[in-house]
Amino acid sequence: MPEAVERDQDRPDARTSPGPSLHERVMANPDTLHSYFNTTEGMLTGDPAHQDMNEILRVLDDNRIIYLYDPDENRPRPTFYSPGKISIGLAEISQAARRLSAAS
């Protein structure tokens, strides 16, 4: 029995995070910290190497959307989280940007 307990102690705990959370990363970066405490209209996350990412960034900037950007190579498609809506891909994110721009 003690042998099983020792093996269990060597296993990583599934409840522990593999790295800092998005909140921790935002709070640690002075550039994003300012944005965090000011009005943001959404958060963009996705692989920076995705073929549509540069266009998505341009669309958000052209529509003067205030957003946080969390580059994540593990996300297969760009995703934009805005209040009450999750948009995935260039077409949906462009539509969300137009909606948010019209509301401001």
PDB file of N, CA and C in Angstrom:
ATOM      1  N   MET A   1       0.808  -1.203   0.000  1.00  0.00           N
ATOM      2  CA  MET A   1       0.000   0.000   0.000  1.00  0.00           C
ATOM      3  C   MET A   1       0.852   1.268   0.000  1.00  0.00           C
ATOM      4  N   PRO A   2       1.904   1.365   0.819  1.00  0.00           N
ATOM      5  CA  PRO A   2       2.716   2.575   0.781  1.00  0.00           C
ATOM      6  C   PRO A   2       3.309   2.822  -0.603  1.00  0.00           C
ATOM      7  N   GLU A   3       3.574   1.747  -1.352  1.00  0.00           N
ATOM      8  CA  GLU A   3       4.129   1.900  -2.692  1.00  0.00           C
ATOM      9  C   GLU A   3       3.141   2.637  -3.605  1.00  0.00           C
ATOM     10  N   ALA A   4       1.855   2.311  -3.494  1.00  0.00           N
ATOM     11  CA  ALA A   4       0.819   2.985  -4.297  1.00  0.00           C
ATOM     12  C   ALA A   4       0.726   4.461  -3.923  1.00  0.00           C
ATOM     13  N   VAL A   5       0.851   4.768  -2.652  1.00  0.00           N
ATOM     14  CA  VAL A   5       0.796   6.161  -2.210  1.00  0.00           C
ATOM     15  C   VAL A   5       1.961   6.937  -2.801  1.00  0.00           C
ATOM     16  N   GLU A   6       3.141   6.345  -2.812  1.00  0.00           N
ATOM     17  CA  GLU A   6       4.302   7.023  -3.382  1.00  0.00           C
ATOM     18  C   GLU A   6       4.107   7.289  -4.864  1.00  0.00           C
ATOM     19  N   ARG A   7       3.552   6.316  -5.599  1.00  0.00           N
ATOM     20  CA  ARG A   7       3.314   6.518  -7.021  1.00  0.00           C
ATOM     21  C   ARG A   7       2.311   7.638  -7.239  1.00  0.00           C
ATOM     22  N   ASP A   8       1.271   7.716  -6.413  1.00  0.00           N
ATOM     23  CA  ASP A   8       0.275   8.774  -6.544  1.00  0.00           C
ATOM     24  C   ASP A   8       0.892  10.148  -6.313  1.00  0.00           C
ATOM     25  N   GLN A   9       1.856  10.229  -5.440  1.00  0.00           N
ATOM     26  CA  GLN A   9       2.498  11.512  -5.151  1.00  0.00           C
ATOM     27  C   GLN A   9       3.340  11.982  -6.328  1.00  0.00           C
ATOM     28  N   ASP A  10       3.769  11.066  -7.194  1.00  0.00           N
ATOM     29  CA  ASP A  10       4.585  11.436  -8.343  1.00  0.00           C
ATOM     30  C   ASP A  10       3.744  11.916  -9.533  1.00  0.00           C
ATOM     31  N   ARG A  11       2.442  11.632  -9.521  1.00  0.00           N
ATOM     32  CA  ARG A  11       1.588  12.043 -10.631  1.00  0.00           C
ATOM     33  C   ARG A  11       1.306  13.535 -10.543  1.00  0.00           C
ATOM     34  N   PRO A  12       1.271  14.199 -11.710  1.00  0.00           N
ATOM     35  CA  PRO A  12       0.898  15.616 -11.661  1.00  0.00           C
ATOM     36  C   PRO A  12      -0.575  15.740 -11.301  1.00  0.00           C
ATOM     37  N   ASP A  13      -0.896  16.729 -10.539  1.00  0.00           N
ATOM     38  CA  ASP A  13      -2.267  16.974 -10.120  1.00  0.00           C
ATOM     39  C   ASP A  13      -3.031  17.605 -11.281  1.00  0.00           C
ATOM     40  N   ALA A  14      -4.130  17.004 -11.668  1.00  0.00           N
ATOM     41  CA  ALA A  14      -4.908  17.495 -12.797  1.00  0.00           C
ATOM     42  C   ALA A  14      -5.489  18.881 -12.526  1.00  0.00           C
ATOM     43  N   ARG A  15      -5.601  19.242 -11.263  1.00  0.00           N
ATOM     44  CA  ARG A  15      -6.170  20.551 -10.932  1.00  0.00           C
ATOM     45  C   ARG A  15      -5.164  21.680 -11.064  1.00  0.00           C
ATOM     46  N   THR A  16      -3.905  21.385 -11.192  1.00  0.00           N
ATOM     47  CA  THR A  16      -2.912  22.448 -11.321  1.00  0.00           C
ATOM     48  C   THR A  16      -2.823  22.879 -12.774  1.00  0.00           C
ATOM     49  N   SER A  17      -2.666  24.148 -12.982  1.00  0.00           N
ATOM     50  CA  SER A  17      -2.592  24.717 -14.317  1.00  0.00           C
ATOM     51  C   SER A  17      -1.194  24.503 -14.904  1.00  0.00           C
ATOM     52  N   PRO A  18      -1.111  24.215 -16.198  1.00  0.00           N
ATOM     53  CA  PRO A  18       0.194  24.028 -16.815  1.00  0.00           C
ATOM     54  C   PRO A  18       0.990  25.327 -16.916  1.00  0.00           C
ATOM     55  N   GLY A  19       0.334  26.440 -16.805  1.00  0.00           N
ATOM     56  CA  GLY A  19       1.014  27.729 -16.877  1.00  0.00           C
ATOM     57  C   GLY A  19       0.098  28.803 -16.340  1.00  0.00           C
ATOM     58  N   PRO A  20       0.522  30.053 -16.432  1.00  0.00           N
ATOM     59  CA  PRO A  20      -0.311  31.131 -15.892  1.00  0.00           C
ATOM     60  C   PRO A  20      -1.611  31.260 -16.685  1.00  0.00           C
ATOM     61  N   SER A  21      -2.665  31.632 -16.009  1.00  0.00           N
ATOM     62  CA  SER A  21      -3.959  31.836 -16.658  1.00  0.00           C
ATOM     63  C   SER A  21      -3.914  33.126 -17.477  1.00  0.00           C
ATOM     64  N   LEU A  22      -4.933  33.335 -18.285  1.00  0.00           N
ATOM     65  CA  LEU A  22      -5.027  34.571 -19.053  1.00  0.00           C
ATOM     66  C   LEU A  22      -5.040  35.765 -18.109  1.00  0.00           C
ATOM     67  N   HIS A  23      -5.798  35.681 -17.032  1.00  0.00           N
ATOM     68  CA  HIS A  23      -5.854  36.773 -16.060  1.00  0.00           C
ATOM     69  C   HIS A  23      -4.459  37.075 -15.505  1.00  0.00           C
ATOM     70  N   GLU A  24      -3.718  36.039 -15.148  1.00  0.00           N
ATOM     71  CA  GLU A  24      -2.362  36.235 -14.604  1.00  0.00           C
ATOM     72  C   GLU A  24      -1.431  36.868 -15.640  1.00  0.00           C
ATOM     73  N   ARG A  25      -1.559  36.442 -16.894  1.00  0.00           N
ATOM     74  CA  ARG A  25      -0.711  37.029 -17.942  1.00  0.00           C
ATOM     75  C   ARG A  25      -1.062  38.488 -18.174  1.00  0.00           C
ATOM     76  N   VAL A  26      -2.360  38.817 -18.176  1.00  0.00           N
ATOM     77  CA  VAL A  26      -2.793  40.203 -18.368  1.00  0.00           C
ATOM     78  C   VAL A  26      -2.300  41.070 -17.220  1.00  0.00           C
ATOM     79  N   MET A  27      -2.442  40.591 -16.000  1.00  0.00           N
ATOM     80  CA  MET A  27      -2.041  41.376 -14.837  1.00  0.00           C
ATOM     81  C   MET A  27      -0.532  41.579 -14.772  1.00  0.00           C
ATOM     82  N   ALA A  28       0.241  40.657 -15.324  1.00  0.00           N
ATOM     83  CA  ALA A  28       1.700  40.742 -15.260  1.00  0.00           C
ATOM     84  C   ALA A  28       2.288  41.656 -16.333  1.00  0.00           C
ATOM     85  N   ASN A  29       1.526  41.970 -17.354  1.00  0.00           N
ATOM     86  CA  ASN A  29       2.029  42.778 -18.470  1.00  0.00           C
ATOM     87  C   ASN A  29       1.487  44.202 -18.340  1.00  0.00           C
ATOM     88  N   PRO A  30       2.364  45.194 -18.156  1.00  0.00           N
ATOM     89  CA  PRO A  30       1.883  46.575 -17.960  1.00  0.00           C
ATOM     90  C   PRO A  30       1.054  47.091 -19.136  1.00  0.00           C
ATOM     91  N   ASP A  31       1.358  46.653 -20.366  1.00  0.00           N
ATOM     92  CA  ASP A  31       0.594  47.118 -21.525  1.00  0.00           C
ATOM     93  C   ASP A  31      -0.850  46.617 -21.483  1.00  0.00           C
ATOM     94  N   THR A  32      -1.039  45.342 -21.145  1.00  0.00           N
ATOM     95  CA  THR A  32      -2.397  44.798 -21.112  1.00  0.00           C
ATOM     96  C   THR A  32      -3.107  45.153 -19.812  1.00  0.00           C
ATOM     97  N   LEU A  33      -2.357  45.403 -18.767  1.00  0.00           N
ATOM     98  CA  LEU A  33      -2.964  45.773 -17.484  1.00  0.00           C
ATOM     99  C   LEU A  33      -3.809  47.035 -17.640  1.00  0.00           C
ATOM    100  N   HIS A  34      -3.294  48.011 -18.380  1.00  0.00           N
ATOM    101  CA  HIS A  34      -4.041  49.243 -18.629  1.00  0.00           C
ATOM    102  C   HIS A  34      -5.349  48.922 -19.351  1.00  0.00           C
ATOM    103  N   SER A  35      -5.282  48.066 -20.356  1.00  0.00           N
ATOM    104  CA  SER A  35      -6.480  47.695 -21.119  1.00  0.00           C
ATOM    105  C   SER A  35      -7.469  46.933 -20.264  1.00  0.00           C
ATOM    106  N   TYR A  36      -6.970  46.121 -19.390  1.00  0.00           N
ATOM    107  CA  TYR A  36      -7.827  45.280 -18.553  1.00  0.00           C
ATOM    108  C   TYR A  36      -8.754  46.132 -17.695  1.00  0.00           C
ATOM    109  N   PHE A  37      -8.249  47.220 -17.184  1.00  0.00           N
ATOM    110  CA  PHE A  37      -9.048  48.055 -16.295  1.00  0.00           C
ATOM    111  C   PHE A  37      -9.781  49.169 -17.027  1.00  0.00           C
ATOM    112  N   ASN A  38      -9.662  49.209 -18.330  1.00  0.00           N
ATOM    113  CA  ASN A  38     -10.426  50.148 -19.141  1.00  0.00           C
ATOM    114  C   ASN A  38     -11.397  49.346 -20.004  1.00  0.00           C
ATOM    115  N   THR A  39     -12.305  50.012 -20.619  1.00  0.00           N
ATOM    116  CA  THR A  39     -13.329  49.331 -21.398  1.00  0.00           C
ATOM    117  C   THR A  39     -12.703  48.570 -22.550  1.00  0.00           C
ATOM    118  N   THR A  40     -12.999  47.292 -22.600  1.00  0.00           N
ATOM    119  CA  THR A  40     -12.617  46.487 -23.755  1.00  0.00           C
ATOM    120  C   THR A  40     -13.900  45.950 -24.374  1.00  0.00           C
ATOM    121  N   GLU A  41     -13.866  45.783 -25.671  1.00  0.00           N
ATOM    122  CA  GLU A  41     -15.053  45.308 -26.367  1.00  0.00           C
ATOM    123  C   GLU A  41     -14.961  43.820 -26.680  1.00  0.00           C
ATOM    124  N   GLY A  42     -13.818  43.228 -26.383  1.00  0.00           N
ATOM    125  CA  GLY A  42     -13.696  41.805 -26.634  1.00  0.00           C
ATOM    126  C   GLY A  42     -12.279  41.309 -26.431  1.00  0.00           C
ATOM    127  N   MET A  43     -12.130  40.009 -26.635  1.00  0.00           N
ATOM    128  CA  MET A  43     -10.819  39.384 -26.529  1.00  0.00           C
ATOM    129  C   MET A  43     -10.622  38.462 -27.718  1.00  0.00           C
ATOM    130  N   LEU A  44      -9.506  38.599 -28.390  1.00  0.00           N
ATOM    131  CA  LEU A  44      -9.159  37.763 -29.530  1.00  0.00           C
ATOM    132  C   LEU A  44      -8.100  36.770 -29.090  1.00  0.00           C
ATOM    133  N   THR A  45      -8.308  35.514 -29.436  1.00  0.00           N
ATOM    134  CA  THR A  45      -7.311  34.501 -29.157  1.00  0.00           C
ATOM    135  C   THR A  45      -7.185  33.613 -30.385  1.00  0.00           C
ATOM    136  N   GLY A  46      -6.013  33.077 -30.586  1.00  0.00           N
ATOM    137  CA  GLY A  46      -5.796  32.197 -31.731  1.00  0.00           C
ATOM    138  C   GLY A  46      -4.322  32.111 -32.074  1.00  0.00           C
ATOM    139  N   ASP A  47      -4.028  31.195 -32.969  1.00  0.00           N
ATOM    140  CA  ASP A  47      -2.658  30.984 -33.431  1.00  0.00           C
ATOM    141  C   ASP A  47      -2.236  32.179 -34.286  1.00  0.00           C
ATOM    142  N   PRO A  48      -1.169  32.879 -33.901  1.00  0.00           N
ATOM    143  CA  PRO A  48      -0.750  34.056 -34.667  1.00  0.00           C
ATOM    144  C   PRO A  48      -0.331  33.698 -36.096  1.00  0.00           C
ATOM    145  N   ALA A  49      -0.009  32.432 -36.344  1.00  0.00           N
ATOM    146  CA  ALA A  49       0.398  32.002 -37.682  1.00  0.00           C
ATOM    147  C   ALA A  49      -0.787  31.601 -38.560  1.00  0.00           C
ATOM    148  N   HIS A  50      -2.005  31.655 -38.034  1.00  0.00           N
ATOM    149  CA  HIS A  50      -3.181  31.291 -38.824  1.00  0.00           C
ATOM    150  C   HIS A  50      -3.284  32.225 -40.026  1.00  0.00           C
ATOM    151  N   GLN A  51      -3.701  31.689 -41.164  1.00  0.00           N
ATOM    152  CA  GLN A  51      -3.723  32.455 -42.410  1.00  0.00           C
ATOM    153  C   GLN A  51      -4.607  33.704 -42.348  1.00  0.00           C
ATOM    154  N   ASP A  52      -5.635  33.716 -41.509  1.00  0.00           N
ATOM    155  CA  ASP A  52      -6.541  34.866 -41.428  1.00  0.00           C
ATOM    156  C   ASP A  52      -6.202  35.848 -40.315  1.00  0.00           C
ATOM    157  N   MET A  53      -5.221  35.531 -39.473  1.00  0.00           N
ATOM    158  CA  MET A  53      -4.996  36.358 -38.286  1.00  0.00           C
ATOM    159  C   MET A  53      -4.631  37.801 -38.622  1.00  0.00           C
ATOM    160  N   ASN A  54      -3.766  38.027 -39.582  1.00  0.00           N
ATOM    161  CA  ASN A  54      -3.394  39.405 -39.919  1.00  0.00           C
ATOM    162  C   ASN A  54      -4.601  40.193 -40.409  1.00  0.00           C
ATOM    163  N   GLU A  55      -5.453  39.558 -41.199  1.00  0.00           N
ATOM    164  CA  GLU A  55      -6.651  40.229 -41.693  1.00  0.00           C
ATOM    165  C   GLU A  55      -7.622  40.528 -40.543  1.00  0.00           C
ATOM    166  N   ILE A  56      -7.755  39.596 -39.623  1.00  0.00           N
ATOM    167  CA  ILE A  56      -8.638  39.795 -38.463  1.00  0.00           C
ATOM    168  C   ILE A  56      -8.145  40.967 -37.612  1.00  0.00           C
ATOM    169  N   LEU A  57      -6.847  41.020 -37.367  1.00  0.00           N
ATOM    170  CA  LEU A  57      -6.281  42.131 -36.601  1.00  0.00           C
ATOM    171  C   LEU A  57      -6.554  43.455 -37.311  1.00  0.00           C
ATOM    172  N   ARG A  58      -6.418  43.461 -38.638  1.00  0.00           N
ATOM    173  CA  ARG A  58      -6.660  44.677 -39.414  1.00  0.00           C
ATOM    174  C   ARG A  58      -8.132  45.096 -39.308  1.00  0.00           C
ATOM    175  N   VAL A  59      -9.039  44.129 -39.434  1.00  0.00           N
ATOM    176  CA  VAL A  59     -10.480  44.419 -39.338  1.00  0.00           C
ATOM    177  C   VAL A  59     -10.825  45.019 -37.978  1.00  0.00           C
ATOM    178  N   LEU A  60     -10.321  44.427 -36.914  1.00  0.00           N
ATOM    179  CA  LEU A  60     -10.602  44.950 -35.574  1.00  0.00           C
ATOM    180  C   LEU A  60     -10.044  46.357 -35.412  1.00  0.00           C
ATOM    181  N   ASP A  61      -8.817  46.564 -35.885  1.00  0.00           N
ATOM    182  CA  ASP A  61      -8.204  47.887 -35.768  1.00  0.00           C
ATOM    183  C   ASP A  61      -8.922  48.920 -36.637  1.00  0.00           C
ATOM    184  N   ASP A  62      -9.285  48.541 -37.875  1.00  0.00           N
ATOM    185  CA  ASP A  62      -9.991  49.472 -38.761  1.00  0.00           C
ATOM    186  C   ASP A  62     -11.344  49.885 -38.199  1.00  0.00           C
ATOM    187  N   ASN A  63     -11.990  48.980 -37.472  1.00  0.00           N
ATOM    188  CA  ASN A  63     -13.285  49.288 -36.867  1.00  0.00           C
ATOM    189  C   ASN A  63     -13.141  49.922 -35.481  1.00  0.00           C
ATOM    190  N   ARG A  64     -11.896  50.189 -35.084  1.00  0.00           N
ATOM    191  CA  ARG A  64     -11.577  50.831 -33.802  1.00  0.00           C
ATOM    192  C   ARG A  64     -12.160  50.071 -32.612  1.00  0.00           C
ATOM    193  N   ILE A  65     -11.991  48.749 -32.664  1.00  0.00           N
ATOM    194  CA  ILE A  65     -12.449  47.882 -31.594  1.00  0.00           C
ATOM    195  C   ILE A  65     -11.352  47.803 -30.544  1.00  0.00           C
ATOM    196  N   ILE A  66     -11.710  47.991 -29.292  1.00  0.00           N
ATOM    197  CA  ILE A  66     -10.751  47.877 -28.197  1.00  0.00           C
ATOM    198  C   ILE A  66     -10.805  46.437 -27.710  1.00  0.00           C
ATOM    199  N   TYR A  67      -9.695  45.719 -27.866  1.00  0.00           N
ATOM    200  CA  TYR A  67      -9.686  44.296 -27.542  1.00  0.00           C
ATOM    201  C   TYR A  67      -8.355  43.883 -26.933  1.00  0.00           C
ATOM    202  N   LEU A  68      -8.398  42.787 -26.223  1.00  0.00           N
ATOM    203  CA  LEU A  68      -7.186  42.149 -25.739  1.00  0.00           C
ATOM    204  C   LEU A  68      -6.850  41.041 -26.714  1.00  0.00           C
ATOM    205  N   TYR A  69      -5.562  40.839 -26.984  1.00  0.00           N
ATOM    206  CA  TYR A  69      -5.126  39.809 -27.913  1.00  0.00           C
ATOM    207  C   TYR A  69      -4.277  38.804 -27.153  1.00  0.00           C
ATOM    208  N   ASP A  70      -4.720  37.547 -27.178  1.00  0.00           N
ATOM    209  CA  ASP A  70      -4.009  36.460 -26.504  1.00  0.00           C
ATOM    210  C   ASP A  70      -3.554  35.451 -27.550  1.00  0.00           C
ATOM    211  N   PRO A  71      -2.336  35.649 -28.119  1.00  0.00           N
ATOM    212  CA  PRO A  71      -1.861  34.685 -29.112  1.00  0.00           C
ATOM    213  C   PRO A  71      -1.689  33.309 -28.468  1.00  0.00           C
ATOM    214  N   ASP A  72      -2.282  32.314 -29.073  1.00  0.00           N
ATOM    215  CA  ASP A  72      -2.240  30.965 -28.518  1.00  0.00           C
ATOM    216  C   ASP A  72      -2.087  29.971 -29.662  1.00  0.00           C
ATOM    217  N   GLU A  73      -0.910  29.391 -29.769  1.00  0.00           N
ATOM    218  CA  GLU A  73      -0.622  28.459 -30.862  1.00  0.00           C
ATOM    219  C   GLU A  73      -1.466  27.189 -30.781  1.00  0.00           C
ATOM    220  N   ASN A  74      -2.083  26.924 -29.638  1.00  0.00           N
ATOM    221  CA  ASN A  74      -2.899  25.720 -29.475  1.00  0.00           C
ATOM    222  C   ASN A  74      -4.331  25.903 -29.966  1.00  0.00           C
ATOM    223  N   ARG A  75      -4.705  27.111 -30.349  1.00  0.00           N
ATOM    224  CA  ARG A  75      -6.053  27.365 -30.858  1.00  0.00           C
ATOM    225  C   ARG A  75      -6.034  27.206 -32.379  1.00  0.00           C
ATOM    226  N   PRO A  76      -6.820  26.284 -32.920  1.00  0.00           N
ATOM    227  CA  PRO A  76      -6.757  26.053 -34.363  1.00  0.00           C
ATOM    228  C   PRO A  76      -7.334  27.193 -35.197  1.00  0.00           C
ATOM    229  N   ARG A  77      -8.347  27.907 -34.681  1.00  0.00           N
ATOM    230  CA  ARG A  77      -8.953  29.008 -35.430  1.00  0.00           C
ATOM    231  C   ARG A  77      -9.062  30.234 -34.538  1.00  0.00           C
ATOM    232  N   PRO A  78      -8.905  31.407 -35.121  1.00  0.00           N
ATOM    233  CA  PRO A  78      -9.068  32.634 -34.342  1.00  0.00           C
ATOM    234  C   PRO A  78     -10.473  32.723 -33.759  1.00  0.00           C
ATOM    235  N   THR A  79     -10.545  33.141 -32.502  1.00  0.00           N
ATOM    236  CA  THR A  79     -11.816  33.264 -31.798  1.00  0.00           C
ATOM    237  C   THR A  79     -11.873  34.621 -31.116  1.00  0.00           C
ATOM    238  N   PHE A  80     -13.001  35.294 -31.271  1.00  0.00           N
ATOM    239  CA  PHE A  80     -13.196  36.611 -30.673  1.00  0.00           C
ATOM    240  C   PHE A  80     -14.373  36.527 -29.711  1.00  0.00           C
ATOM    241  N   TYR A  81     -14.104  36.822 -28.448  1.00  0.00           N
ATOM    242  CA  TYR A  81     -15.125  36.803 -27.405  1.00  0.00           C
ATOM    243  C   TYR A  81     -15.567  38.244 -27.156  1.00  0.00           C
ATOM    244  N   SER A  82     -16.831  38.521 -27.415  1.00  0.00           N
ATOM    245  CA  SER A  82     -17.386  39.838 -27.109  1.00  0.00           C
ATOM    246  C   SER A  82     -18.614  39.623 -26.238  1.00  0.00           C
ATOM    247  N   PRO A  83     -19.101  40.648 -25.574  1.00  0.00           N
ATOM    248  CA  PRO A  83     -20.227  40.460 -24.654  1.00  0.00           C
ATOM    249  C   PRO A  83     -21.405  39.738 -25.329  1.00  0.00           C
ATOM    250  N   GLY A  84     -21.716  38.567 -24.807  1.00  0.00           N
ATOM    251  CA  GLY A  84     -22.848  37.811 -25.294  1.00  0.00           C
ATOM    252  C   GLY A  84     -22.638  37.055 -26.587  1.00  0.00           C
ATOM    253  N   LYS A  85     -21.418  37.030 -27.128  1.00  0.00           N
ATOM    254  CA  LYS A  85     -21.207  36.400 -28.431  1.00  0.00           C
ATOM    255  C   LYS A  85     -19.789  35.858 -28.541  1.00  0.00           C
ATOM    256  N   ILE A  86     -19.682  34.691 -29.169  1.00  0.00           N
ATOM    257  CA  ILE A  86     -18.382  34.113 -29.510  1.00  0.00           C
ATOM    258  C   ILE A  86     -18.338  34.001 -31.023  1.00  0.00           C
ATOM    259  N   SER A  87     -17.350  34.635 -31.640  1.00  0.00           N
ATOM    260  CA  SER A  87     -17.208  34.616 -33.099  1.00  0.00           C
ATOM    261  C   SER A  87     -15.944  33.858 -33.460  1.00  0.00           C
ATOM    262  N   ILE A  88     -16.056  32.965 -34.436  1.00  0.00           N
ATOM    263  CA  ILE A  88     -14.925  32.142 -34.844  1.00  0.00           C
ATOM    264  C   ILE A  88     -14.682  32.350 -36.336  1.00  0.00           C
ATOM    265  N   GLY A  89     -13.447  32.645 -36.688  1.00  0.00           N
ATOM    266  CA  GLY A  89     -13.085  32.803 -38.093  1.00  0.00           C
ATOM    267  C   GLY A  89     -13.266  34.226 -38.582  1.00  0.00           C
ATOM    268  N   LEU A  90     -12.698  34.485 -39.748  1.00  0.00           N
ATOM    269  CA  LEU A  90     -12.669  35.830 -40.318  1.00  0.00           C
ATOM    270  C   LEU A  90     -14.067  36.403 -40.545  1.00  0.00           C
ATOM    271  N   ALA A  91     -14.967  35.639 -41.152  1.00  0.00           N
ATOM    272  CA  ALA A  91     -16.299  36.163 -41.482  1.00  0.00           C
ATOM    273  C   ALA A  91     -17.076  36.560 -40.223  1.00  0.00           C
ATOM    274  N   GLU A  92     -17.098  35.689 -39.228  1.00  0.00           N
ATOM    275  CA  GLU A  92     -17.852  35.989 -38.003  1.00  0.00           C
ATOM    276  C   GLU A  92     -17.217  37.124 -37.217  1.00  0.00           C
ATOM    277  N   ILE A  93     -15.892  37.148 -37.158  1.00  0.00           N
ATOM    278  CA  ILE A  93     -15.214  38.212 -36.407  1.00  0.00           C
ATOM    279  C   ILE A  93     -15.406  39.553 -37.108  1.00  0.00           C
ATOM    280  N   SER A  94     -15.392  39.564 -38.436  1.00  0.00           N
ATOM    281  CA  SER A  94     -15.645  40.805 -39.183  1.00  0.00           C
ATOM    282  C   SER A  94     -17.052  41.317 -38.897  1.00  0.00           C
ATOM    283  N   GLN A  95     -18.012  40.412 -38.859  1.00  0.00           N
ATOM    284  CA  GLN A  95     -19.393  40.789 -38.560  1.00  0.00           C
ATOM    285  C   GLN A  95     -19.502  41.348 -37.132  1.00  0.00           C
ATOM    286  N   ALA A  96     -18.826  40.709 -36.180  1.00  0.00           N
ATOM    287  CA  ALA A  96     -18.836  41.191 -34.794  1.00  0.00           C
ATOM    288  C   ALA A  96     -18.191  42.571 -34.705  1.00  0.00           C
ATOM    289  N   ALA A  97     -17.121  42.790 -35.449  1.00  0.00           N
ATOM    290  CA  ALA A  97     -16.445  44.090 -35.434  1.00  0.00           C
ATOM    291  C   ALA A  97     -17.368  45.176 -35.974  1.00  0.00           C
ATOM    292  N   ARG A  98     -18.091  44.878 -37.048  1.00  0.00           N
ATOM    293  CA  ARG A  98     -19.034  45.868 -37.604  1.00  0.00           C
ATOM    294  C   ARG A  98     -20.150  46.154 -36.605  1.00  0.00           C
ATOM    295  N   ARG A  99     -20.651  45.108 -35.936  1.00  0.00           N
ATOM    296  CA  ARG A  99     -21.724  45.264 -34.941  1.00  0.00           C
ATOM    297  C   ARG A  99     -21.250  46.149 -33.787  1.00  0.00           C
ATOM    298  N   LEU A 100     -20.053  45.857 -33.284  1.00  0.00           N
ATOM    299  CA  LEU A 100     -19.529  46.624 -32.147  1.00  0.00           C
ATOM    300  C   LEU A 100     -19.219  48.067 -32.552  1.00  0.00           C
ATOM    301  N   SER A 101     -18.720  48.247 -33.763  1.00  0.00           N
ATOM    302  CA  SER A 101     -18.390  49.584 -34.253  1.00  0.00           C
ATOM    303  C   SER A 101     -19.654  50.426 -34.408  1.00  0.00           C
ATOM    304  N   ALA A 102     -20.712  49.817 -34.884  1.00  0.00           N
ATOM    305  CA  ALA A 102     -21.975  50.536 -35.060  1.00  0.00           C
ATOM    306  C   ALA A 102     -22.598  50.910 -33.720  1.00  0.00           C
ATOM    307  N   ALA A 103     -22.349  50.085 -32.692  1.00  0.00           N
ATOM    308  CA  ALA A 103     -22.926  50.334 -31.368  1.00  0.00           C
ATOM    309  C   ALA A 103     -22.212  51.446 -30.620  1.00  0.00           C
ATOM    310  N   SER A 104     -20.980  51.778 -31.029  1.00  0.00           N
ATOM    311  CA  SER A 104     -20.237  52.792 -30.268  1.00  0.00           C
ATOM    312  C   SER A 104     -20.548  54.179 -30.711  1.00  0.00           C
TER     313      SER A 104
END
